[in-house]
């Protein structure tokens, strides 16, 4: 799976660790930046990931910041994106199973690295349940 990655300076360290994990799991990471710990404006990088996912250049996207809130908000402004802010294994699982989230947002200042990597593993491997959730997903796209 081709997975787009994007972060600001506050999510940079976890992004680099997630990139390594993706390769270990056999996925193809595509890093849209940032590429240093220098302060940047997150919308620039997050929007690139969201557009790549929406246009089919990446299968899914993972974005990171200090809290992950602004990153999720930015990604969700792109038509066709369902970006879930996850803080636990259960929220990651449900974001895929019930919401068919095609992007994941994480807050580096909110969770440990081990939890972040666990969330990514579950989020990548959980299928969409379909069924009754299809009707709800179709109501999101207006």
N, C-alpha and C. Protein backbone atom coordinates (compact mmCIF):
# COMPACT_ATOMS: atom_id res chain seq x y z
N UNK A 1 0.85 -1.17 0.00
CA UNK A 1 0.00 0.00 0.00
C UNK A 1 0.90 1.24 0.00
N UNK A 2 0.54 2.23 -0.79
CA UNK A 2 1.27 3.50 -0.82
C UNK A 2 0.63 4.43 0.20
N UNK A 3 1.43 4.88 1.17
CA UNK A 3 0.92 5.68 2.28
C UNK A 3 1.62 7.04 2.29
N UNK A 4 0.83 8.10 2.14
CA UNK A 4 1.35 9.44 2.23
C UNK A 4 1.58 9.84 3.68
N UNK A 5 2.65 10.55 3.93
CA UNK A 5 2.98 11.04 5.26
C UNK A 5 3.21 12.53 5.23
N UNK A 6 2.73 13.21 6.28
CA UNK A 6 2.99 14.63 6.39
C UNK A 6 2.94 15.05 7.85
N UNK A 7 3.76 16.04 8.19
CA UNK A 7 3.76 16.53 9.56
C UNK A 7 4.29 17.96 9.59
N UNK A 8 4.09 18.57 10.74
CA UNK A 8 4.81 19.81 11.01
C UNK A 8 6.00 19.44 11.90
N UNK A 9 6.66 20.45 12.43
CA UNK A 9 7.82 20.22 13.29
C UNK A 9 7.47 19.44 14.55
N UNK A 10 6.25 19.63 15.07
CA UNK A 10 5.84 18.97 16.31
C UNK A 10 5.52 17.49 16.12
N UNK A 11 5.37 17.05 14.89
CA UNK A 11 5.11 15.64 14.61
C UNK A 11 6.23 14.96 13.86
N UNK A 12 7.30 15.70 13.62
CA UNK A 12 8.39 15.20 12.77
C UNK A 12 9.01 13.89 13.26
N UNK A 13 9.31 13.81 14.54
CA UNK A 13 9.99 12.61 15.06
C UNK A 13 9.15 11.36 14.88
N UNK A 14 7.87 11.43 15.20
CA UNK A 14 7.01 10.25 15.03
C UNK A 14 6.84 9.92 13.55
N UNK A 15 6.79 10.94 12.70
CA UNK A 15 6.66 10.68 11.26
C UNK A 15 7.82 9.84 10.77
N UNK A 16 9.00 10.19 11.21
CA UNK A 16 10.19 9.43 10.79
C UNK A 16 10.12 7.99 11.28
N UNK A 17 9.66 7.78 12.49
CA UNK A 17 9.52 6.42 13.04
C UNK A 17 8.44 5.64 12.29
N UNK A 18 7.34 6.29 11.97
CA UNK A 18 6.25 5.64 11.23
C UNK A 18 6.71 5.28 9.82
N UNK A 19 7.52 6.12 9.22
CA UNK A 19 8.05 5.83 7.89
C UNK A 19 8.86 4.52 7.93
N UNK A 20 9.67 4.35 8.95
CA UNK A 20 10.45 3.12 9.11
C UNK A 20 9.52 1.92 9.30
N UNK A 21 8.50 2.07 10.15
CA UNK A 21 7.54 0.99 10.38
C UNK A 21 6.83 0.60 9.08
N UNK A 22 6.41 1.59 8.30
CA UNK A 22 5.72 1.30 7.04
C UNK A 22 6.59 0.44 6.13
N UNK A 23 7.85 0.79 6.03
CA UNK A 23 8.77 -0.01 5.19
C UNK A 23 8.90 -1.43 5.73
N UNK A 24 9.01 -1.57 7.06
CA UNK A 24 9.13 -2.90 7.68
C UNK A 24 7.89 -3.75 7.40
N UNK A 25 6.74 -3.11 7.31
CA UNK A 25 5.48 -3.83 7.06
C UNK A 25 5.23 -4.07 5.57
N UNK A 26 6.14 -3.62 4.72
CA UNK A 26 6.01 -3.83 3.29
C UNK A 26 5.22 -2.78 2.55
N UNK A 27 4.95 -1.66 3.20
CA UNK A 27 4.23 -0.56 2.56
C UNK A 27 5.23 0.41 1.93
N UNK A 28 4.72 1.27 1.06
CA UNK A 28 5.56 2.26 0.39
C UNK A 28 5.22 3.65 0.92
N UNK A 29 6.05 4.19 1.82
CA UNK A 29 5.78 5.54 2.32
C UNK A 29 6.16 6.60 1.30
N UNK A 30 5.34 7.62 1.22
CA UNK A 30 5.64 8.79 0.38
C UNK A 30 5.60 10.01 1.30
N UNK A 31 6.75 10.56 1.60
CA UNK A 31 6.89 11.63 2.58
C UNK A 31 6.73 13.00 1.91
N UNK A 32 5.70 13.73 2.33
CA UNK A 32 5.42 15.06 1.80
C UNK A 32 6.01 16.16 2.67
N UNK A 33 6.75 15.79 3.73
CA UNK A 33 7.39 16.77 4.59
C UNK A 33 6.59 17.01 5.85
N UNK A 34 7.11 17.80 6.67
CA UNK A 34 8.33 18.55 6.67
C UNK A 34 9.52 17.60 6.84
N UNK A 35 10.69 18.12 6.56
CA UNK A 35 11.88 17.28 6.56
C UNK A 35 12.89 17.67 7.63
N UNK A 36 12.50 18.60 8.50
CA UNK A 36 13.36 19.02 9.61
C UNK A 36 12.48 19.34 10.82
N UNK A 37 13.14 19.66 11.92
CA UNK A 37 12.42 20.06 13.14
C UNK A 37 12.19 21.57 13.18
N UNK A 38 12.57 22.28 12.13
CA UNK A 38 12.38 23.73 12.09
C UNK A 38 10.89 24.06 12.04
N UNK A 39 10.44 25.09 12.76
CA UNK A 39 9.02 25.46 12.77
C UNK A 39 8.47 25.73 11.37
N UNK A 40 7.32 25.15 11.08
CA UNK A 40 6.63 25.32 9.80
C UNK A 40 5.12 25.42 10.05
N UNK A 41 4.39 25.81 9.03
CA UNK A 41 2.93 25.84 9.07
C UNK A 41 2.40 24.51 8.55
N UNK A 42 1.73 23.75 9.40
CA UNK A 42 1.28 22.40 9.05
C UNK A 42 0.34 22.31 7.85
N UNK A 43 -0.55 23.29 7.59
CA UNK A 43 -1.48 23.09 6.48
C UNK A 43 -0.80 22.83 5.14
N UNK A 44 0.36 23.41 4.93
CA UNK A 44 1.07 23.23 3.66
C UNK A 44 1.35 21.76 3.41
N UNK A 45 1.84 21.05 4.41
CA UNK A 45 2.24 19.65 4.25
C UNK A 45 1.03 18.70 4.32
N UNK A 46 0.09 19.01 5.18
CA UNK A 46 -1.07 18.14 5.35
C UNK A 46 -1.94 18.16 4.10
N UNK A 47 -2.10 19.33 3.52
CA UNK A 47 -2.91 19.46 2.30
C UNK A 47 -2.32 18.63 1.17
N UNK A 48 -1.00 18.57 1.06
CA UNK A 48 -0.36 17.76 0.02
C UNK A 48 -0.71 16.28 0.18
N UNK A 49 -0.70 15.79 1.40
CA UNK A 49 -1.05 14.39 1.65
C UNK A 49 -2.52 14.15 1.32
N UNK A 50 -3.39 15.03 1.79
CA UNK A 50 -4.83 14.86 1.55
C UNK A 50 -5.14 14.86 0.06
N UNK A 51 -4.52 15.74 -0.69
CA UNK A 51 -4.76 15.79 -2.14
C UNK A 51 -4.25 14.52 -2.81
N UNK A 52 -3.11 14.01 -2.36
CA UNK A 52 -2.58 12.77 -2.94
C UNK A 52 -3.53 11.61 -2.69
N UNK A 53 -4.10 11.52 -1.51
CA UNK A 53 -5.05 10.45 -1.20
C UNK A 53 -6.34 10.64 -2.00
N UNK A 54 -6.85 11.85 -2.02
CA UNK A 54 -8.11 12.13 -2.72
C UNK A 54 -8.00 11.87 -4.22
N UNK A 55 -6.83 12.12 -4.80
CA UNK A 55 -6.63 11.95 -6.24
C UNK A 55 -6.14 10.55 -6.61
N UNK A 56 -5.92 9.69 -5.60
CA UNK A 56 -5.51 8.32 -5.88
C UNK A 56 -4.02 8.08 -6.00
N UNK A 57 -3.20 9.10 -5.77
CA UNK A 57 -1.75 8.91 -5.81
C UNK A 57 -1.22 8.11 -4.64
N UNK A 58 -1.95 8.18 -3.53
CA UNK A 58 -1.65 7.38 -2.33
C UNK A 58 -2.93 6.67 -1.92
N UNK A 59 -2.77 5.47 -1.41
CA UNK A 59 -3.94 4.70 -0.95
C UNK A 59 -4.50 5.25 0.35
N UNK A 60 -3.62 5.65 1.25
CA UNK A 60 -4.01 6.23 2.53
C UNK A 60 -2.99 7.28 2.93
N UNK A 61 -3.32 8.03 3.98
CA UNK A 61 -2.42 9.05 4.46
C UNK A 61 -2.36 9.08 5.98
N UNK A 62 -1.20 9.43 6.50
CA UNK A 62 -1.00 9.59 7.93
C UNK A 62 -0.36 10.96 8.15
N UNK A 63 -0.99 11.76 9.00
CA UNK A 63 -0.49 13.10 9.27
C UNK A 63 -0.30 13.29 10.77
N UNK A 64 0.67 14.13 11.11
CA UNK A 64 1.02 14.29 12.52
C UNK A 64 1.32 15.73 12.85
N UNK A 65 1.02 16.08 14.09
CA UNK A 65 1.36 17.38 14.64
C UNK A 65 1.48 17.25 16.14
N UNK A 66 1.43 18.36 16.84
CA UNK A 66 1.51 18.32 18.29
C UNK A 66 0.31 17.62 18.90
N UNK A 67 -0.89 18.05 18.52
CA UNK A 67 -2.12 17.42 19.02
C UNK A 67 -2.79 16.56 17.97
N UNK A 68 -2.55 16.86 16.70
CA UNK A 68 -3.22 16.16 15.60
C UNK A 68 -4.54 16.80 15.20
N UNK A 69 -5.04 17.73 16.00
CA UNK A 69 -6.33 18.36 15.71
C UNK A 69 -6.29 19.20 14.44
N UNK A 70 -5.37 20.11 14.35
CA UNK A 70 -5.29 20.98 13.18
C UNK A 70 -5.04 20.18 11.91
N UNK A 71 -4.25 19.12 12.04
CA UNK A 71 -3.95 18.28 10.88
C UNK A 71 -5.22 17.57 10.39
N UNK A 72 -6.01 17.04 11.30
CA UNK A 72 -7.27 16.39 10.92
C UNK A 72 -8.23 17.39 10.29
N UNK A 73 -8.34 18.56 10.87
CA UNK A 73 -9.23 19.59 10.33
C UNK A 73 -8.81 19.97 8.92
N UNK A 74 -7.51 20.18 8.74
CA UNK A 74 -7.01 20.55 7.42
C UNK A 74 -7.29 19.46 6.39
N UNK A 75 -6.96 18.22 6.73
CA UNK A 75 -7.17 17.11 5.80
C UNK A 75 -8.64 16.97 5.42
N UNK A 76 -9.53 17.14 6.39
CA UNK A 76 -10.95 16.96 6.14
C UNK A 76 -11.58 18.06 5.30
N UNK A 77 -10.84 19.10 4.99
CA UNK A 77 -11.32 20.14 4.08
C UNK A 77 -11.22 19.69 2.63
N UNK A 78 -10.51 18.59 2.38
CA UNK A 78 -10.34 18.08 1.02
C UNK A 78 -11.45 17.08 0.72
N UNK A 79 -12.16 17.31 -0.37
CA UNK A 79 -13.27 16.43 -0.76
C UNK A 79 -12.77 14.99 -0.92
N UNK A 80 -13.52 14.07 -0.33
CA UNK A 80 -13.18 12.66 -0.43
C UNK A 80 -12.31 12.14 0.70
N UNK A 81 -11.90 13.03 1.59
CA UNK A 81 -11.05 12.62 2.71
C UNK A 81 -11.90 12.41 3.95
N UNK A 82 -11.60 11.32 4.64
CA UNK A 82 -12.17 11.03 5.94
C UNK A 82 -10.99 10.77 6.88
N UNK A 83 -10.53 11.84 7.50
CA UNK A 83 -9.35 11.78 8.37
C UNK A 83 -9.81 11.67 9.81
N UNK A 84 -9.33 10.64 10.49
CA UNK A 84 -9.69 10.39 11.88
C UNK A 84 -8.53 10.73 12.80
N UNK A 85 -8.80 11.51 13.82
CA UNK A 85 -7.84 11.78 14.88
C UNK A 85 -7.95 10.64 15.88
N UNK A 86 -6.90 9.87 16.03
CA UNK A 86 -6.94 8.70 16.90
C UNK A 86 -5.95 8.83 18.05
N UNK A 87 -6.37 8.37 19.20
CA UNK A 87 -5.54 8.45 20.41
C UNK A 87 -5.48 7.12 21.14
N UNK A 88 -6.08 6.08 20.56
CA UNK A 88 -6.06 4.75 21.16
C UNK A 88 -6.20 3.70 20.06
N UNK A 89 -5.89 2.48 20.42
CA UNK A 89 -6.05 1.37 19.48
C UNK A 89 -7.52 1.26 19.06
N UNK A 90 -8.42 1.41 20.01
CA UNK A 90 -9.85 1.27 19.71
C UNK A 90 -10.35 2.36 18.77
N UNK A 91 -9.91 3.62 18.96
CA UNK A 91 -10.36 4.67 18.04
C UNK A 91 -9.82 4.42 16.64
N UNK A 92 -8.62 3.88 16.56
CA UNK A 92 -8.05 3.56 15.24
C UNK A 92 -8.85 2.45 14.56
N UNK A 93 -9.15 1.41 15.31
CA UNK A 93 -9.92 0.28 14.75
C UNK A 93 -11.29 0.75 14.27
N UNK A 94 -11.98 1.52 15.09
CA UNK A 94 -13.32 1.97 14.72
C UNK A 94 -13.30 2.97 13.56
N UNK A 95 -12.24 3.76 13.47
CA UNK A 95 -12.16 4.73 12.36
C UNK A 95 -12.11 4.01 11.02
N UNK A 96 -11.54 2.84 10.99
CA UNK A 96 -11.48 2.05 9.76
C UNK A 96 -12.76 1.22 9.60
N UNK A 97 -13.12 0.48 10.65
CA UNK A 97 -14.24 -0.45 10.56
C UNK A 97 -15.57 0.25 10.31
N UNK A 98 -15.80 1.37 10.95
CA UNK A 98 -17.09 2.06 10.85
C UNK A 98 -17.07 3.26 9.92
N UNK A 99 -15.93 3.94 9.81
CA UNK A 99 -15.88 5.19 9.06
C UNK A 99 -15.07 5.12 7.77
N UNK A 100 -14.44 3.98 7.52
CA UNK A 100 -13.59 3.82 6.33
C UNK A 100 -12.63 4.99 6.18
N UNK A 101 -12.02 5.40 7.31
CA UNK A 101 -11.09 6.52 7.29
C UNK A 101 -9.94 6.23 6.33
N UNK A 102 -9.69 7.17 5.45
CA UNK A 102 -8.58 7.00 4.51
C UNK A 102 -7.36 7.82 4.92
N UNK A 103 -7.51 8.58 6.02
CA UNK A 103 -6.37 9.27 6.61
C UNK A 103 -6.45 9.17 8.12
N UNK A 104 -5.28 9.15 8.71
CA UNK A 104 -5.11 9.05 10.16
C UNK A 104 -4.33 10.26 10.64
N UNK A 105 -4.79 10.88 11.72
CA UNK A 105 -4.07 11.99 12.33
C UNK A 105 -3.66 11.60 13.74
N UNK A 106 -2.40 11.91 14.08
CA UNK A 106 -1.85 11.60 15.40
C UNK A 106 -1.20 12.82 16.01
N UNK A 107 -1.27 12.93 17.32
CA UNK A 107 -0.63 14.02 18.04
C UNK A 107 0.59 13.52 18.80
N UNK A 108 1.76 13.93 18.37
CA UNK A 108 3.00 13.47 18.98
C UNK A 108 3.09 13.86 20.46
N UNK A 109 2.52 15.00 20.82
CA UNK A 109 2.58 15.45 22.22
C UNK A 109 1.51 14.80 23.09
N UNK A 110 0.63 14.01 22.49
CA UNK A 110 -0.51 13.45 23.21
C UNK A 110 -0.34 11.97 23.57
N UNK A 111 0.46 11.24 22.80
CA UNK A 111 0.59 9.80 22.99
C UNK A 111 2.05 9.38 22.91
N UNK A 112 2.34 8.22 23.46
CA UNK A 112 3.71 7.71 23.38
C UNK A 112 4.00 7.19 21.98
N UNK A 113 5.28 7.07 21.68
CA UNK A 113 5.68 6.52 20.39
C UNK A 113 5.18 5.09 20.22
N UNK A 114 5.30 4.28 21.25
CA UNK A 114 4.83 2.89 21.14
C UNK A 114 3.33 2.82 20.84
N UNK A 115 2.55 3.68 21.48
CA UNK A 115 1.12 3.70 21.19
C UNK A 115 0.87 4.18 19.77
N UNK A 116 1.59 5.20 19.33
CA UNK A 116 1.42 5.70 17.96
C UNK A 116 1.69 4.60 16.95
N UNK A 117 2.76 3.84 17.15
CA UNK A 117 3.09 2.75 16.22
C UNK A 117 2.04 1.66 16.27
N UNK A 118 1.50 1.38 17.45
CA UNK A 118 0.42 0.39 17.56
C UNK A 118 -0.84 0.85 16.85
N UNK A 119 -1.15 2.12 16.99
CA UNK A 119 -2.31 2.69 16.30
C UNK A 119 -2.14 2.55 14.79
N UNK A 120 -0.97 2.87 14.29
CA UNK A 120 -0.71 2.76 12.85
C UNK A 120 -0.89 1.32 12.38
N UNK A 121 -0.34 0.37 13.12
CA UNK A 121 -0.47 -1.05 12.75
C UNK A 121 -1.94 -1.47 12.64
N UNK A 122 -2.72 -1.13 13.65
CA UNK A 122 -4.14 -1.50 13.67
C UNK A 122 -4.89 -0.78 12.57
N UNK A 123 -4.62 0.50 12.39
CA UNK A 123 -5.32 1.30 11.39
C UNK A 123 -5.06 0.77 9.99
N UNK A 124 -3.83 0.36 9.72
CA UNK A 124 -3.51 -0.18 8.40
C UNK A 124 -4.12 -1.55 8.14
N UNK A 125 -4.31 -2.33 9.17
CA UNK A 125 -4.76 -3.72 8.99
C UNK A 125 -6.25 -3.93 9.19
N UNK A 126 -6.97 -2.93 9.66
CA UNK A 126 -8.41 -3.09 9.91
C UNK A 126 -9.20 -2.79 8.66
N UNK A 127 -10.02 -3.74 8.21
CA UNK A 127 -10.85 -3.48 7.03
C UNK A 127 -12.12 -2.70 7.40
N UNK A 128 -12.71 -2.10 6.40
CA UNK A 128 -14.00 -1.43 6.54
C UNK A 128 -15.08 -2.49 6.62
N UNK A 129 -15.99 -2.37 7.60
CA UNK A 129 -17.06 -3.35 7.78
C UNK A 129 -18.14 -3.27 6.70
N UNK A 130 -18.29 -2.12 6.08
CA UNK A 130 -19.35 -1.95 5.08
C UNK A 130 -20.72 -2.02 5.73
N UNK A 131 -21.65 -2.71 5.08
CA UNK A 131 -22.99 -2.89 5.64
C UNK A 131 -23.67 -1.58 5.97
N UNK A 132 -24.20 -1.50 7.18
CA UNK A 132 -24.95 -0.31 7.60
C UNK A 132 -24.11 0.95 7.57
N UNK A 133 -22.80 0.79 7.64
CA UNK A 133 -21.91 1.96 7.64
C UNK A 133 -21.81 2.61 6.27
N UNK A 134 -22.07 1.86 5.21
CA UNK A 134 -22.03 2.43 3.86
C UNK A 134 -23.00 3.59 3.71
N UNK A 135 -24.20 3.41 4.25
CA UNK A 135 -25.21 4.45 4.15
C UNK A 135 -24.72 5.74 4.83
N UNK A 136 -24.09 5.59 5.96
CA UNK A 136 -23.60 6.75 6.70
C UNK A 136 -22.44 7.43 6.00
N UNK A 137 -21.56 6.63 5.45
CA UNK A 137 -20.43 7.19 4.71
C UNK A 137 -20.94 7.99 3.51
N UNK A 138 -21.96 7.46 2.83
CA UNK A 138 -22.48 8.16 1.66
C UNK A 138 -23.11 9.50 2.05
N UNK A 139 -23.57 9.64 3.27
CA UNK A 139 -24.16 10.90 3.72
C UNK A 139 -23.09 11.95 4.04
N UNK A 140 -21.86 11.51 4.25
CA UNK A 140 -20.77 12.45 4.49
C UNK A 140 -20.42 13.20 3.21
N UNK A 141 -20.40 12.47 2.11
CA UNK A 141 -20.05 13.05 0.81
C UNK A 141 -21.24 13.82 0.25
N UNK A 142 -21.22 15.13 0.37
CA UNK A 142 -22.32 15.95 -0.15
C UNK A 142 -21.83 16.85 -1.26
